[in-house]
C-alpha atoms as a PDB file:
ATOM      1  CA  MET A   1     -24.582   7.214   5.114  1.00  0.00           C
ATOM      2  CA  GLN A   2     -22.162   4.374   4.598  1.00  0.00           C
ATOM      3  CA  ILE A   3     -20.698   2.458   7.512  1.00  0.00           C
ATOM      4  CA  LYS A   4     -18.034  -0.208   7.313  1.00  0.00           C
ATOM      5  CA  ILE A   5     -16.530  -2.073  10.230  1.00  0.00           C
ATOM      6  CA  HIS A   6     -12.979  -3.304   9.774  1.00  0.00           C
ATOM      7  CA  GLU A   7     -11.853  -6.093  12.088  1.00  0.00           C
ATOM      8  CA  SER A   8      -8.176  -5.842  12.885  1.00  0.00           C
ATOM      9  CA  TYR A   9      -6.192  -6.014  16.118  1.00  0.00           C
ATOM     10  CA  ARG A  10      -8.664  -3.288  17.011  1.00  0.00           C
ATOM     11  CA  THR A  11     -12.056  -2.613  15.433  1.00  0.00           C
ATOM     12  CA  ILE A  12     -12.100   0.377  13.076  1.00  0.00           C
ATOM     13  CA  VAL A  13     -15.411   2.013  12.167  1.00  0.00           C
ATOM     14  CA  ALA A  14     -15.434   3.977   8.905  1.00  0.00           C
ATOM     15  CA  LEU A  15     -18.442   6.288   8.517  1.00  0.00           C
ATOM     16  CA  SER A  16     -19.026   8.610   5.579  1.00  0.00           C
ATOM     17  CA  ASP A  17     -21.790  10.514   3.883  1.00  0.00           C
ATOM     18  CA  THR A  18     -22.636   8.459   0.791  1.00  0.00           C
ATOM     19  CA  ASP A  19     -22.194  11.381  -1.618  1.00  0.00           C
ATOM     20  CA  LEU A  20     -18.534  11.766  -0.589  1.00  0.00           C
ATOM     21  CA  LEU A  21     -17.423   8.268  -1.641  1.00  0.00           C
ATOM     22  CA  GLY A  22     -14.640   8.348  -4.209  1.00  0.00           C
ATOM     23  CA  LYS A  23     -13.874  12.043  -3.700  1.00  0.00           C
ATOM     24  CA  ALA A  24     -10.723  13.737  -2.447  1.00  0.00           C
ATOM     25  CA  PHE A  25     -10.415  17.012  -0.564  1.00  0.00           C
ATOM     26  CA  GLU A  26      -7.377  19.242  -0.058  1.00  0.00           C
ATOM     27  CA  GLU A  27      -6.656  22.372   1.897  1.00  0.00           C
ATOM     28  CA  GLY A  28      -3.066  23.501   2.265  1.00  0.00           C
ATOM     29  CA  ILE A  29      -1.063  20.497   3.425  1.00  0.00           C
ATOM     30  CA  LYS A  30      -4.163  18.615   4.600  1.00  0.00           C
ATOM     31  CA  ARG A  31      -5.675  16.007   2.277  1.00  0.00           C
ATOM     32  CA  ILE A  32      -8.233  13.254   2.623  1.00  0.00           C
ATOM     33  CA  GLU A  33      -9.480  10.749   0.078  1.00  0.00           C
ATOM     34  CA  ILE A  34     -12.776   8.986   0.765  1.00  0.00           C
ATOM     35  CA  LYS A  35     -11.781   5.635  -0.717  1.00  0.00           C
ATOM     36  CA  PRO A  36     -14.673   3.252  -1.332  1.00  0.00           C
ATOM     37  CA  ALA A  37     -12.460   0.317  -0.306  1.00  0.00           C
ATOM     38  CA  PHE A  38     -12.271   1.791   3.200  1.00  0.00           C
ATOM     39  CA  PHE A  39     -15.551   3.679   3.630  1.00  0.00           C
ATOM     40  CA  LYS A  40     -18.118   1.881   1.442  1.00  0.00           C
ATOM     41  CA  GLY A  41     -20.080  -0.583   3.514  1.00  0.00           C
ATOM     42  CA  GLU A  42     -23.745  -0.734   4.404  1.00  0.00           C
ATOM     43  CA  GLU A  43     -26.135   2.117   3.697  1.00  0.00           C
ATOM     44  CA  LYS A  44     -27.873   3.011   6.973  1.00  0.00           C
ATOM     45  CA  ASN A  45     -30.187   5.742   8.238  1.00  0.00           C
ATOM     46  CA  LYS A  46     -29.359   8.112  11.105  1.00  0.00           C
ATOM     47  CA  GLU A  47     -31.056   6.052  13.829  1.00  0.00           C
ATOM     48  CA  GLU A  48     -29.269   2.855  12.744  1.00  0.00           C
ATOM     49  CA  ILE A  49     -25.920   4.669  12.585  1.00  0.00           C
ATOM     50  CA  ILE A  50     -26.320   6.121  16.083  1.00  0.00           C
ATOM     51  CA  GLU A  51     -27.105   2.677  17.498  1.00  0.00           C
ATOM     52  CA  ILE A  52     -24.085   1.104  15.764  1.00  0.00           C
ATOM     53  CA  LEU A  53     -21.764   3.893  16.934  1.00  0.00           C
ATOM     54  CA  LYS A  54     -22.868   3.499  20.545  1.00  0.00           C
ATOM     55  CA  ASP A  55     -22.366  -0.280  20.361  1.00  0.00           C
ATOM     56  CA  MET A  56     -18.922   0.084  18.780  1.00  0.00           C
ATOM     57  CA  GLN A  57     -17.848   2.602  21.429  1.00  0.00           C
ATOM     58  CA  LYS A  58     -18.471  -0.098  24.042  1.00  0.00           C
ATOM     59  CA  GLU A  59     -16.159  -2.381  22.049  1.00  0.00           C
ATOM     60  CA  ASP A  60     -13.282   0.126  22.317  1.00  0.00           C
ATOM     61  CA  ALA A  61     -13.321   0.771  18.564  1.00  0.00           C
ATOM     62  CA  THR A  62     -11.610   3.603  16.718  1.00  0.00           C
ATOM     63  CA  PHE A  63     -13.627   5.822  14.388  1.00  0.00           C
ATOM     64  CA  ASN A  64     -13.010   7.607  11.079  1.00  0.00           C
ATOM     65  CA  ILE A  65     -15.955   9.919  10.385  1.00  0.00           C
ATOM     66  CA  VAL A  66     -16.384  12.160   7.324  1.00  0.00           C
ATOM     67  CA  GLY A  67     -19.225  14.417   6.166  1.00  0.00           C
ATOM     68  CA  GLU A  68     -21.940  16.661   7.614  1.00  0.00           C
ATOM     69  CA  GLU A  69     -24.573  13.972   8.180  1.00  0.00           C
ATOM     70  CA  SER A  70     -22.082  11.475   9.596  1.00  0.00           C
ATOM     71  CA  ILE A  71     -20.573  14.057  11.956  1.00  0.00           C
ATOM     72  CA  LYS A  72     -24.045  15.072  13.208  1.00  0.00           C
ATOM     73  CA  SER A  73     -24.864  11.418  13.922  1.00  0.00           C
ATOM     74  CA  ALA A  74     -21.575  10.916  15.793  1.00  0.00           C
ATOM     75  CA  LEU A  75     -22.220  14.043  17.876  1.00  0.00           C
ATOM     76  CA  GLU A  76     -25.692  12.787  18.739  1.00  0.00           C
ATOM     77  CA  ALA A  77     -24.295   9.364  19.661  1.00  0.00           C
ATOM     78  CA  GLY A  78     -21.760  11.014  21.968  1.00  0.00           C
ATOM     79  CA  ILE A  79     -18.778   9.589  20.075  1.00  0.00           C
ATOM     80  CA  ILE A  80     -17.223  12.990  19.348  1.00  0.00           C
ATOM     81  CA  LYS A  81     -17.328  16.549  20.661  1.00  0.00           C
ATOM     82  CA  LYS A  82     -17.453  19.696  18.543  1.00  0.00           C
ATOM     83  CA  GLU A  83     -13.878  20.536  19.566  1.00  0.00           C
ATOM     84  CA  GLY A  84     -12.667  17.317  17.907  1.00  0.00           C
ATOM     85  CA  ILE A  85     -13.974  18.185  14.443  1.00  0.00           C
ATOM     86  CA  MET A  86     -11.635  19.543  11.798  1.00  0.00           C
ATOM     87  CA  LYS A  87     -12.424  20.592   8.256  1.00  0.00           C
ATOM     88  CA  ILE A  88     -10.659  20.048   4.979  1.00  0.00           C
ATOM     89  CA  ASP A  89     -12.129  22.074   2.120  1.00  0.00           C
ATOM     90  CA  ASN A  90     -15.281  22.623   4.238  1.00  0.00           C
ATOM     91  CA  VAL A  91     -15.795  18.872   4.757  1.00  0.00           C
ATOM     92  CA  PRO A  92     -16.009  17.997   8.481  1.00  0.00           C
ATOM     93  CA  ILE A  93     -13.819  15.140   9.675  1.00  0.00           C
ATOM     94  CA  ALA A  94     -13.290  13.477  13.049  1.00  0.00           C
ATOM     95  CA  LEU A  95     -10.939  10.724  14.139  1.00  0.00           C
ATOM     96  CA  VAL A  96     -11.473   8.970  17.424  1.00  0.00           C
ATOM     97  CA  LEU A  97      -8.705   6.863  18.892  1.00  0.00           C
ATOM     98  CA  LEU A  98      -9.781   5.607  22.296  1.00  0.00           C
END
């Protein structure tokens, strides 16, 4: 998985399955592009990702999460709930704005 932390007026955490980088998905009017400029950061394993997500939640960050593995990690970290997951072309996506 790739994780990138953007520092802005509010911290934004971009998390994506590595194999999705550079791809775009469409379904009806919904579209998402997994742009490397936004999502490509550090390659981390599941345990590292879960720890980072929990730390960033304490910092009142927002989250952009894309892909099966990334979504599973976010669920395990308690960042998202199953009800908050949508799919575009069978790719799971979650946005968390706290």
